[in-house]
């Protein structure tokens, strides 16, 4: 049986590989941009601890001691 449906530039060939590569690189670029923007946003909002001596290890109430500096 002869395979006549072969092709280098079909979706299962080089073209499909290039589409997949461009898609993955564009997803990488978008996620990197979102990550950088999130880091810049957090860097502009520093916080201080109101009472550092009241901190306890593994305590959920530690978040109440944090105050965002404006």
Protein backbone atom coordinates (compact mmCIF):
# COMPACT_ATOMS: atom_id res chain seq x y z
CA UNK A 1 0.00 0.00 0.00
CA UNK A 2 1.38 3.35 -1.00
CA UNK A 3 1.22 6.39 1.27
CA UNK A 4 0.32 9.30 -1.00
CA UNK A 5 -0.76 11.67 1.78
CA UNK A 6 2.76 12.48 2.90
CA UNK A 7 3.99 16.05 2.82
CA UNK A 8 6.76 18.04 4.40
CA UNK A 9 4.71 21.24 4.59
CA UNK A 10 1.52 19.77 6.04
CA UNK A 11 0.23 20.22 9.60
CA UNK A 12 1.95 17.01 10.60
CA UNK A 13 5.23 18.20 9.09
CA UNK A 14 7.37 21.31 9.25
CA UNK A 15 4.41 23.69 9.20
CA UNK A 16 2.81 22.05 12.21
CA UNK A 17 6.09 22.13 14.09
CA UNK A 18 6.51 25.84 13.34
CA UNK A 19 2.93 26.61 14.40
CA UNK A 20 3.45 24.73 17.68
CA UNK A 21 6.77 26.50 18.31
CA UNK A 22 5.33 29.96 17.64
CA UNK A 23 2.33 29.18 19.85
CA UNK A 24 4.52 28.03 22.74
CA UNK A 25 6.85 31.02 22.42
CA UNK A 26 3.92 33.45 22.37
CA UNK A 27 2.48 31.84 25.52
CA UNK A 28 5.91 32.16 27.15
CA UNK A 29 6.14 35.85 26.21
CA UNK A 30 2.64 36.63 27.52
CA UNK A 31 3.23 34.85 30.84
CA UNK A 32 6.60 36.56 31.25
CA UNK A 33 5.04 39.98 30.67
CA UNK A 34 2.29 39.24 33.23
CA UNK A 35 4.91 38.05 35.73
CA UNK A 36 7.05 41.16 35.33
CA UNK A 37 4.02 43.43 35.73
CA UNK A 38 2.97 41.58 38.88
CA UNK A 39 6.46 41.91 40.36
CA UNK A 40 6.56 45.63 39.58
CA UNK A 41 3.16 46.13 41.18
CA UNK A 42 4.19 44.36 44.39
CA UNK A 43 7.54 46.17 44.50
CA UNK A 44 5.71 49.50 44.64
CA UNK A 45 3.72 48.45 47.72
CA UNK A 46 6.18 47.78 50.54
CA UNK A 47 4.93 46.71 53.94
CA UNK A 48 6.16 46.91 57.51
CA UNK A 49 5.58 44.69 60.51
CA UNK A 50 3.88 46.59 63.34
CA UNK A 51 5.26 44.43 66.13
CA UNK A 52 8.04 42.05 65.06
CA UNK A 53 8.22 40.50 68.54
CA UNK A 54 4.61 39.29 68.27
CA UNK A 55 5.39 37.04 65.28
CA UNK A 56 4.97 33.33 65.87
CA UNK A 57 6.12 30.48 63.70
CA UNK A 58 3.39 29.04 61.46
CA UNK A 59 0.63 31.23 62.79
CA UNK A 60 -2.20 32.56 60.62
CA UNK A 61 -2.47 35.68 62.74
CA UNK A 62 0.94 36.89 61.49
CA UNK A 63 -0.75 38.44 58.45
CA UNK A 64 -2.66 40.81 60.75
CA UNK A 65 0.63 42.37 61.88
CA UNK A 66 1.50 43.48 58.36
CA UNK A 67 0.74 47.06 57.30
CA UNK A 68 1.14 48.30 53.72
CA UNK A 69 3.09 51.54 53.58
CA UNK A 70 1.44 54.21 51.43
